[in-house]
Amino acid sequence: MEFGIVSREIIKPSSPGLHLLKPFQLSFLDQLIPNAAFVPLILFYRIKDNAHFNNLHISAKLKKSLSDTLNSLYPVSGRVKNNLFIDDFEQGVPYIEAHVGSRMSDFLQHPKLELLNQFVPFQPQESNAESIALLAIQLNVFDCGSVALGMVASHKIFDGSTLSLFLKSWVAASRGCHDNVVHPRMFEGALRFPPDESLLKKYISFAESSWFNQGKYKMMRFVFDARAIATLKGKAKSENVVNPTRIDAMTGFIWKSILAASKKASVGAYKPSMFVQAVNIREKMMPPLSSNFIGNGFLWASAVCDFANIDAELHEHVILLREAYAKTESFLNVHRVDTRLQGISEYLKSLEEISKENPEDFCFSSWLNFGFGEADFGWGKPVWVGLVGEIGAMVRSSIVFQKADWNAGGIETWITLREKEMEILENDPDFLQYASPNPSVIIPSDCL
């Protein structure tokens, strides 16, 4: 399948005078994120034969609405300076148009995951200078006229919730629903989690090093259907966790399966395993963060499984997960900023202590509630939501949960592991009893 770049341009905010606005201050949580951390996302749209939605119309609509969206979400259009603030809001967002020499239905019938990186403007986790854009867009047009909207968003300001907020605002502008365009409280993050120079100096090296490892990694997509998820939820129940969520059950099961693969791959050199789960703290704060908060609003919940617990049952892993969540949330229900920062300092110290044992860490993140599959710019919802494909040299073991809207009640799981561990997991009959490896994406009949 061939890709060809058709055009490149920079989309800037449509309103003049943004240079007069004061810089957007990064929060302490934003400052802990390395510059090279990016969030990839690809939305696949089936475009029916319709004169109202030809490719020129789609591109023009996307560019105009993106420009309008940048007026209210202007930090997205700026550049990071000295890991302190975002400025130069008139720099804009790179926008690329590309042609894909294939039909979208053919690609989705046999998804070649290694090609997904061709749908985004640049590789996530690649070396990044501070001058690089915080968001870049690529509109990919298939031979059949269908499109894939790829984007790469800097984790310096975008976590999953902020990317969801931005997409909803962009969609509203595209559809002319200007009342739904987001007008965020720009400085809430820095007020609730103010920069602290001494804390940053103490933990910045540890925070940045924990994001990436060098090695040979492989990414694979697995799908769990509704029946498999229900079965796992039943196995995850215990007296301690009477009503486990879908994510509790799947996280516990995948962690247990990965531990088994890691044990086989280690050949006697077993290391402790650390579960790490991104926890959205917006509604867990006291008082809660506003719904229009932008920036990073998450912390990592962590739990360690040593050699003695490697063969623990699924429900035992779920208990460990719940305990990790509770520990992470314990210091958030405080009103005073200094007390909150002290809690974060203790939280970072505990992670640093665990890291001294050099554990194999597995980072989980749930995208189920971000609504990426609802992003309808005016030509229908995506028929599929994809992530990154081929993995670069700097990465870490990670697991991302995403709704499989094409598979009623199903969940897609994008797993990145070291090659040896992935080879074992892909051939584990106990794992494959519940997980289907990289199945075809079934396009709903009303989209055909």
Protein backbone atom coordinates (compact mmCIF):
# COMPACT_ATOMS: atom_id res chain seq x y z
CA MET A 1 0.00 0.00 0.00
CA GLU A 2 1.55 3.26 -1.15
CA PHE A 3 1.34 6.62 0.60
CA GLY A 4 2.02 9.91 -1.15
CA ILE A 5 2.16 13.37 0.41
CA VAL A 6 -0.08 15.74 -1.56
CA SER A 7 0.35 18.97 0.40
CA ARG A 8 1.72 20.49 3.59
CA GLU A 9 0.64 23.68 5.32
CA ILE A 10 0.31 25.32 8.71
CA ILE A 11 -3.16 26.01 10.13
CA LYS A 12 -3.17 29.07 12.37
CA PRO A 13 -5.88 30.55 14.61
CA SER A 14 -8.33 32.64 12.59
CA SER A 15 -8.46 35.46 15.14
CA PRO A 16 -5.64 38.02 15.17
CA GLY A 17 -4.06 39.27 18.34
CA LEU A 18 -3.29 36.01 20.11
CA HIS A 19 0.27 37.27 20.52
CA LEU A 20 -1.13 39.72 23.07
CA LEU A 21 -2.30 36.92 25.37
CA LYS A 22 -0.10 36.01 28.30
CA PRO A 23 1.71 32.65 28.13
CA PHE A 24 -0.04 29.46 29.20
CA GLN A 25 1.72 28.22 32.33
CA LEU A 26 2.41 24.50 32.57
CA SER A 27 1.33 22.71 35.72
CA PHE A 28 3.71 20.59 37.78
CA LEU A 29 2.09 17.48 36.28
CA ASP A 30 2.69 18.83 32.76
CA GLN A 31 6.33 19.53 33.56
CA LEU A 32 6.93 15.90 34.52
CA ILE A 33 6.01 14.71 31.01
CA PRO A 34 8.98 14.34 28.61
CA ASN A 35 8.97 16.33 25.36
CA ALA A 36 9.20 13.13 23.33
CA ALA A 37 5.91 11.70 24.66
CA PHE A 38 3.09 11.94 22.12
CA VAL A 39 -0.44 10.54 21.84
CA PRO A 40 -1.31 9.07 18.40
CA LEU A 41 -4.87 8.70 17.13
CA ILE A 42 -6.33 7.70 13.74
CA LEU A 43 -10.04 8.01 12.90
CA PHE A 44 -11.24 6.03 9.87
CA TYR A 45 -14.31 7.41 8.06
CA ARG A 46 -16.36 5.67 5.36
CA ILE A 47 -17.38 8.37 2.89
CA LYS A 48 -20.40 7.35 0.83
CA ASP A 49 -20.85 8.51 -2.75
CA ASN A 50 -22.18 11.96 -1.95
CA ALA A 51 -21.49 15.19 -3.80
CA HIS A 52 -21.70 17.10 -0.53
CA PHE A 53 -18.72 15.24 0.93
CA ASN A 54 -16.00 15.12 -1.67
CA ASN A 55 -12.41 15.24 -0.51
CA LEU A 56 -11.94 18.94 -1.28
CA HIS A 57 -15.01 19.79 0.78
CA ILE A 58 -13.86 17.61 3.69
CA SER A 59 -10.38 19.11 3.73
CA ALA A 60 -11.64 22.69 3.52
CA LYS A 61 -14.13 22.04 6.32
CA LEU A 62 -11.50 20.46 8.55
CA LYS A 63 -9.01 23.29 8.03
CA LYS A 64 -11.55 26.08 8.58
CA SER A 65 -12.99 24.50 11.74
CA LEU A 66 -9.50 23.69 13.07
CA SER A 67 -8.49 27.32 12.62
CA ASP A 68 -11.61 28.46 14.48
CA THR A 69 -11.06 25.92 17.27
CA LEU A 70 -7.54 27.23 17.86
CA ASN A 71 -9.00 30.61 18.84
CA SER A 72 -10.40 29.26 22.11
CA LEU A 73 -7.87 26.44 22.60
CA TYR A 74 -4.94 28.61 21.62
CA PRO A 75 -2.23 26.82 23.70
CA VAL A 76 -2.52 23.94 21.20
CA SER A 77 -1.22 26.31 18.53
CA GLY A 78 1.80 27.44 20.55
CA ARG A 79 5.21 26.09 21.46
CA VAL A 80 6.70 24.97 24.79
CA LYS A 81 9.39 27.23 26.28
CA ASN A 82 11.91 25.95 28.84
CA ASN A 83 9.41 23.46 30.26
CA LEU A 84 7.71 26.41 31.98
CA PHE A 85 5.02 27.75 29.69
CA ILE A 86 3.53 27.73 26.18
CA ASP A 87 3.82 30.85 24.04
CA ASP A 88 3.90 31.91 20.37
CA PHE A 89 0.26 30.98 19.83
CA GLU A 90 0.36 32.09 16.21
CA GLN A 91 2.84 29.35 15.25
CA GLY A 92 0.00 27.04 14.25
CA VAL A 93 -0.65 23.34 13.65
CA PRO A 94 1.01 21.39 10.78
CA TYR A 95 -1.61 19.95 8.42
CA ILE A 96 -0.68 17.31 5.84
CA GLU A 97 -2.79 15.75 3.10
CA ALA A 98 -1.79 12.33 1.79
CA HIS A 99 -3.09 9.85 -0.77
CA VAL A 100 -3.38 6.16 0.11
CA GLY A 101 -3.16 3.73 -2.80
CA SER A 102 -5.78 1.31 -1.51
CA ARG A 103 -9.43 1.00 -0.63
CA MET A 104 -10.21 1.53 3.04
CA SER A 105 -12.34 -1.62 3.17
CA ASP A 106 -9.37 -3.69 1.97
CA PHE A 107 -7.15 -2.24 4.68
CA LEU A 108 -9.71 -2.86 7.44
CA GLN A 109 -10.35 -6.39 6.20
CA HIS A 110 -6.72 -7.26 6.90
CA PRO A 111 -5.30 -4.48 9.12
CA LYS A 112 -1.55 -4.26 8.67
CA LEU A 113 -0.64 -2.64 11.95
CA GLU A 114 2.90 -1.86 10.84
CA LEU A 115 1.43 0.59 8.30
CA LEU A 116 -0.52 2.66 10.82
CA ASN A 117 2.40 5.01 11.43
CA GLN A 118 2.07 6.12 7.80
CA PHE A 119 -1.31 7.66 8.68
CA VAL A 120 0.15 10.14 11.20
CA PRO A 121 2.40 13.16 10.55
CA PHE A 122 5.43 11.84 12.44
CA GLN A 123 6.43 8.98 14.68
CA PRO A 124 5.35 9.16 18.32
CA GLN A 125 8.32 8.94 20.69
CA GLU A 126 10.73 10.18 18.05
CA SER A 127 13.39 12.68 19.09
CA ASN A 128 11.70 15.99 19.74
CA ALA A 129 12.95 19.55 20.01
CA GLU A 130 11.06 22.13 22.05
CA SER A 131 10.22 24.00 18.87
CA ILE A 132 8.04 21.17 17.54
CA ALA A 133 4.28 21.63 17.28
CA LEU A 134 2.05 20.39 20.08
CA LEU A 135 -0.41 18.94 17.56
CA ALA A 136 -0.03 17.78 13.97
CA ILE A 137 -2.78 16.55 11.63
CA GLN A 138 -2.73 14.30 8.55
CA LEU A 139 -5.77 13.75 6.32
CA ASN A 140 -5.35 10.49 4.39
CA VAL A 141 -7.57 9.95 1.34
CA PHE A 142 -8.07 6.39 0.07
CA ASP A 143 -8.67 5.50 -3.59
CA CYS A 144 -12.34 4.90 -2.76
CA GLY A 145 -12.79 8.40 -1.33
CA SER A 146 -12.95 7.32 2.31
CA VAL A 147 -10.58 9.08 4.68
CA ALA A 148 -8.48 8.49 7.78
CA LEU A 149 -7.80 11.47 10.01
CA GLY A 150 -4.49 10.91 11.76
CA MET A 151 -3.06 13.09 14.49
CA VAL A 152 -0.19 13.17 16.94
CA ALA A 153 -0.68 15.24 20.10
CA SER A 154 2.04 16.20 22.57
CA HIS A 155 1.56 14.65 26.01
CA LYS A 156 3.07 17.84 27.41
CA ILE A 157 -0.44 19.32 27.29
CA PHE A 158 -2.63 16.47 25.98
CA ASP A 159 -3.69 13.55 28.08
CA GLY A 160 -6.58 11.45 26.79
CA SER A 161 -9.23 13.68 28.36
CA THR A 162 -7.73 16.87 26.94
CA LEU A 163 -7.49 15.31 23.48
CA SER A 164 -11.14 14.29 23.80
CA LEU A 165 -12.07 17.84 24.82
CA PHE A 166 -10.19 19.26 21.84
CA LEU A 167 -11.81 16.82 19.40
CA LYS A 168 -15.30 17.61 20.71
CA SER A 169 -14.66 21.32 20.24
CA TRP A 170 -13.25 20.79 16.73
CA VAL A 171 -16.27 18.66 15.82
CA ALA A 172 -18.64 21.34 17.16
CA ALA A 173 -16.93 24.00 15.04
CA SER A 174 -17.08 21.76 11.96
CA ARG A 175 -20.81 21.18 12.41
CA GLY A 176 -21.55 24.85 13.13
CA CYS A 177 -22.54 24.12 16.75
CA HIS A 178 -20.60 27.07 18.11
CA ASP A 179 -22.34 26.91 21.49
CA ASN A 180 -20.54 23.60 22.06
CA VAL A 181 -17.07 24.98 21.31
CA VAL A 182 -14.98 24.68 24.47
CA HIS A 183 -13.80 27.77 26.32
CA PRO A 184 -11.43 26.28 28.88
CA ARG A 185 -10.28 27.66 32.19
CA MET A 186 -6.74 28.19 31.00
CA PHE A 187 -4.83 28.47 34.25
CA GLU A 188 -6.62 25.97 36.45
CA GLY A 189 -3.89 23.35 36.09
CA ALA A 190 -1.12 25.67 37.25
CA LEU A 191 -3.30 26.92 40.12
CA ARG A 192 -4.18 23.45 41.40
CA PHE A 193 -0.75 21.92 40.67
CA PRO A 194 1.62 24.91 40.60
CA PRO A 195 5.18 24.45 39.35
CA ASP A 196 7.61 23.69 42.15
CA GLU A 197 11.24 24.12 41.13
CA SER A 198 12.72 22.10 43.98
CA LEU A 199 10.35 19.18 43.44
CA LEU A 200 10.93 19.30 39.69
CA LYS A 201 14.71 19.15 40.08
CA LYS A 202 14.32 16.26 42.49
CA TYR A 203 12.13 14.08 40.28
CA ILE A 204 12.41 15.22 36.66
CA SER A 205 15.13 12.73 35.69
CA PHE A 206 13.25 9.84 37.24
CA ALA A 207 9.95 10.93 35.68
CA GLU A 208 11.41 11.21 32.19
CA SER A 209 13.39 7.96 32.38
CA SER A 210 10.29 6.04 33.48
CA TRP A 211 8.54 6.78 30.17
CA PHE A 212 10.90 4.98 27.81
CA ASN A 213 13.08 1.89 27.67
CA GLN A 214 15.45 0.77 24.97
CA GLY A 215 14.95 -2.64 23.46
CA LYS A 216 13.13 -4.63 20.82
CA TYR A 217 9.39 -4.23 21.25
CA LYS A 218 6.35 -5.33 19.30
CA MET A 219 2.81 -3.96 19.30
CA MET A 220 -0.22 -6.21 18.76
CA ARG A 221 -3.96 -5.60 18.72
CA PHE A 222 -6.33 -8.01 20.44
CA VAL A 223 -10.13 -7.86 20.65
CA PHE A 224 -12.20 -9.14 23.56
CA ASP A 225 -15.88 -9.64 22.72
CA ALA A 226 -18.72 -9.04 25.17
CA ARG A 227 -19.00 -12.72 26.12
CA ALA A 228 -15.30 -13.01 26.94
CA ILE A 229 -15.43 -9.84 29.04
CA ALA A 230 -18.46 -11.10 30.98
CA THR A 231 -16.67 -14.37 31.73
CA LEU A 232 -13.58 -12.53 32.97
CA LYS A 233 -15.70 -10.29 35.18
CA GLY A 234 -17.14 -13.39 36.81
CA LYS A 235 -13.66 -14.77 37.48
CA ALA A 236 -12.51 -11.40 38.88
CA LYS A 237 -15.13 -11.32 41.65
CA SER A 238 -14.15 -11.83 45.28
CA GLU A 239 -15.28 -10.84 48.77
CA ASN A 240 -13.02 -7.79 48.50
CA VAL A 241 -14.18 -6.76 45.02
CA VAL A 242 -17.81 -7.80 44.67
CA ASN A 243 -18.53 -5.93 41.45
CA PRO A 244 -15.38 -5.60 39.31
CA THR A 245 -15.58 -3.35 36.27
CA ARG A 246 -14.78 -4.50 32.75
CA ILE A 247 -11.42 -2.75 33.03
CA ASP A 248 -10.70 -4.34 36.42
CA ALA A 249 -11.28 -7.80 34.95
CA MET A 250 -9.39 -7.22 31.70
CA THR A 251 -6.46 -5.48 33.39
CA GLY A 252 -6.12 -8.27 35.94
CA PHE A 253 -6.35 -10.94 33.24
CA ILE A 254 -3.86 -9.28 30.90
CA TRP A 255 -1.42 -8.56 33.72
CA LYS A 256 -1.64 -12.20 34.83
CA SER A 257 -1.08 -13.37 31.23
CA ILE A 258 1.86 -11.02 30.70
CA LEU A 259 3.44 -12.18 33.96
CA ALA A 260 3.30 -15.76 32.70
CA ALA A 261 4.88 -14.71 29.40
CA SER A 262 7.55 -12.70 31.20
CA LYS A 263 8.38 -15.66 33.43
CA LYS A 264 8.89 -17.92 30.40
CA ALA A 265 10.95 -15.31 28.57
CA SER A 266 13.21 -14.53 31.54
CA VAL A 267 14.69 -18.06 31.81
CA GLY A 268 15.56 -17.88 35.48
CA ALA A 269 16.36 -14.15 35.54
CA TYR A 270 12.90 -13.12 36.71
CA LYS A 271 12.39 -9.51 37.81
CA PRO A 272 9.52 -8.11 39.87
CA SER A 273 6.60 -6.87 37.80
CA MET A 274 5.04 -3.45 38.34
CA PHE A 275 1.49 -2.73 37.24
CA VAL A 276 0.96 0.95 36.42
CA GLN A 277 -2.49 2.35 35.58
CA ALA A 278 -3.26 5.90 34.45
CA VAL A 279 -5.92 7.30 36.80
CA ASN A 280 -7.98 10.31 35.69
CA ILE A 281 -8.01 12.56 38.76
CA ARG A 282 -10.34 15.28 37.45
CA GLU A 283 -13.42 14.16 39.35
CA LYS A 284 -11.45 12.68 42.24
CA MET A 285 -10.02 16.03 43.33
CA MET A 286 -11.58 18.02 46.16
CA PRO A 287 -13.06 20.16 44.77
CA PRO A 288 -13.15 18.47 41.33
CA LEU A 289 -11.34 20.00 38.39
CA SER A 290 -13.61 21.76 35.92
CA SER A 291 -14.98 19.88 32.93
CA ASN A 292 -13.06 22.29 30.67
CA PHE A 293 -9.70 21.67 32.33
CA ILE A 294 -6.86 21.28 29.81
CA GLY A 295 -3.48 19.75 30.46
CA ASN A 296 -2.50 16.55 32.21
CA GLY A 297 -4.98 15.46 34.86
CA PHE A 298 -3.80 11.95 35.65
CA LEU A 299 -1.49 10.08 37.99
CA TRP A 300 -0.12 6.54 37.88
CA ALA A 301 -1.53 3.97 40.29
CA SER A 302 1.04 1.24 40.86
CA ALA A 303 1.29 -2.23 42.36
CA VAL A 304 4.17 -4.68 42.46
CA CYS A 305 3.95 -8.43 41.96
CA ASP A 306 7.02 -10.31 43.17
CA PHE A 307 8.07 -13.83 42.28
CA ALA A 308 6.02 -15.36 45.11
CA ASN A 309 2.79 -13.92 43.67
CA ILE A 310 3.41 -14.57 39.99
CA ASP A 311 0.90 -17.44 39.88
CA ALA A 312 -1.82 -15.56 41.78
CA GLU A 313 -5.43 -15.98 40.63
CA LEU A 314 -7.22 -13.34 38.56
CA HIS A 315 -9.29 -12.06 41.48
CA GLU A 316 -6.11 -11.62 43.56
CA HIS A 317 -4.63 -9.39 40.88
CA VAL A 318 -7.82 -7.33 40.82
CA ILE A 319 -7.56 -6.81 44.59
CA LEU A 320 -4.01 -5.50 44.09
CA LEU A 321 -5.28 -3.11 41.41
CA ARG A 322 -8.04 -1.72 43.62
CA GLU A 323 -5.58 -1.18 46.48
CA ALA A 324 -3.29 0.71 44.10
CA TYR A 325 -6.14 2.99 42.98
CA ALA A 326 -7.11 3.76 46.57
CA LYS A 327 -3.54 4.59 47.55
CA THR A 328 -3.11 7.00 44.63
CA GLU A 329 -6.40 8.77 45.31
CA SER A 330 -5.83 9.08 49.06
CA PHE A 331 -4.01 12.41 48.97
CA LEU A 332 -6.19 14.14 46.35
CA ASN A 333 -9.07 15.03 48.69
CA VAL A 334 -7.23 17.99 50.20
CA HIS A 335 -7.91 21.68 49.69
CA ARG A 336 -4.48 23.17 50.41
CA VAL A 337 -2.05 23.32 47.51
CA ASP A 338 1.02 22.77 49.69
CA THR A 339 -0.52 19.62 51.20
CA ARG A 340 -1.42 18.37 47.73
CA LEU A 341 2.12 18.92 46.43
CA GLN A 342 3.51 17.17 49.49
CA GLY A 343 1.28 14.22 48.66
CA ILE A 344 2.55 14.18 45.07
CA SER A 345 6.11 14.29 46.39
CA GLU A 346 5.43 11.24 48.54
CA TYR A 347 3.75 9.54 45.59
CA LEU A 348 6.79 10.16 43.34
CA LYS A 349 9.14 9.03 46.09
CA SER A 350 7.27 5.73 46.41
CA LEU A 351 7.49 5.15 42.65
CA GLU A 352 11.19 5.98 42.71
CA GLU A 353 11.80 3.51 45.54
CA ILE A 354 10.01 0.77 43.62
CA SER A 355 12.04 1.54 40.49
CA LYS A 356 15.29 0.85 42.37
CA GLU A 357 14.37 -2.84 42.21
CA ASN A 358 14.44 -2.48 38.41
CA PRO A 359 10.99 -4.02 37.91
CA GLU A 360 9.47 -4.80 34.53
CA ASP A 361 6.70 -2.22 34.39
CA PHE A 362 3.50 -2.56 32.37
CA CYS A 363 1.55 0.64 31.85
CA PHE A 364 -2.23 0.41 31.38
CA SER A 365 -4.53 3.15 30.10
CA SER A 366 -8.27 3.08 29.39
CA TRP A 367 -9.67 5.18 26.53
CA LEU A 368 -13.18 3.80 26.85
CA ASN A 369 -14.74 7.04 28.10
CA PHE A 370 -13.04 9.53 25.79
CA GLY A 371 -15.60 9.22 23.01
CA PHE A 372 -13.12 9.15 20.12
CA GLY A 373 -15.51 6.91 18.20
CA GLU A 374 -18.21 9.62 18.43
CA ALA A 375 -16.24 12.27 16.51
CA ASP A 376 -18.68 13.16 13.69
CA PHE A 377 -17.45 16.18 11.73
CA GLY A 378 -20.52 16.06 9.52
CA TRP A 379 -19.97 12.92 7.43
CA GLY A 380 -20.67 10.26 10.05
CA LYS A 381 -18.87 8.66 12.97
CA PRO A 382 -15.60 6.77 12.52
CA VAL A 383 -15.97 3.13 11.56
CA TRP A 384 -12.71 2.39 13.37
CA VAL A 385 -10.29 4.08 15.75
CA GLY A 386 -6.64 3.10 15.36
CA LEU A 387 -3.51 3.81 17.35
CA VAL A 388 0.18 3.57 16.57
CA GLY A 389 1.69 0.80 14.47
CA GLU A 390 5.36 -0.14 14.31
CA ILE A 391 7.22 0.61 17.52
CA GLY A 392 10.41 2.65 17.62
CA ALA A 393 13.59 2.09 19.62
CA MET A 394 12.47 4.19 22.61
CA VAL A 395 9.26 2.82 24.11
CA ARG A 396 7.89 0.91 27.08
CA SER A 397 5.52 -1.97 27.70
CA SER A 398 2.01 -0.58 27.51
CA ILE A 399 -1.61 -1.67 27.23
CA VAL A 400 -4.35 0.64 25.91
CA PHE A 401 -8.05 -0.19 26.05
CA GLN A 402 -10.27 1.28 23.32
CA LYS A 403 -13.93 0.68 22.48
CA ALA A 404 -14.55 -1.70 19.60
CA ASP A 405 -17.65 0.11 18.34
CA TRP A 406 -17.81 -2.25 15.35
CA ASN A 407 -17.97 -5.21 17.77
CA ALA A 408 -21.03 -4.70 20.01
CA GLY A 409 -19.85 -4.52 23.60
CA GLY A 410 -16.30 -5.49 22.64
CA ILE A 411 -13.02 -3.85 23.65
CA GLU A 412 -9.85 -3.54 21.60
CA THR A 413 -6.59 -3.90 23.50
CA TRP A 414 -3.39 -2.52 22.00
CA ILE A 415 -0.48 -4.25 23.73
CA THR A 416 3.20 -3.34 23.42
CA LEU A 417 5.69 -5.81 24.88
CA ARG A 418 9.25 -6.93 24.41
CA GLU A 419 9.42 -9.19 21.37
CA LYS A 420 10.09 -12.38 23.34
CA GLU A 421 7.18 -11.75 25.68
CA MET A 422 4.84 -10.91 22.81
CA GLU A 423 5.78 -14.07 20.93
CA ILE A 424 4.81 -16.12 23.99
CA LEU A 425 1.59 -14.17 24.60
CA GLU A 426 0.48 -14.52 20.97
CA ASN A 427 0.71 -18.29 21.30
CA ASP A 428 -0.71 -18.68 24.79
CA PRO A 429 -3.90 -20.80 24.49
CA ASP A 430 -5.19 -19.57 27.86
CA PHE A 431 -4.93 -15.98 26.64
CA LEU A 432 -6.31 -16.68 23.17
CA GLN A 433 -9.34 -18.35 24.74
CA TYR A 434 -10.60 -14.80 25.38
CA ALA A 435 -8.63 -12.58 23.00
CA SER A 436 -8.78 -12.54 19.18
CA PRO A 437 -5.51 -11.36 17.58
CA ASN A 438 -5.92 -8.50 15.09
CA PRO A 439 -9.29 -9.50 13.58
CA SER A 440 -10.90 -7.79 10.60
CA VAL A 441 -12.82 -4.60 11.31
CA ILE A 442 -16.45 -5.14 10.39
CA ILE A 443 -17.95 -2.00 8.87
CA PRO A 444 -21.61 -1.52 9.93
CA SER A 445 -24.10 -2.07 7.11
CA ASP A 446 -25.45 1.48 7.40
CA CYS A 447 -21.95 2.76 6.56
CA LEU A 448 -21.64 0.72 3.36
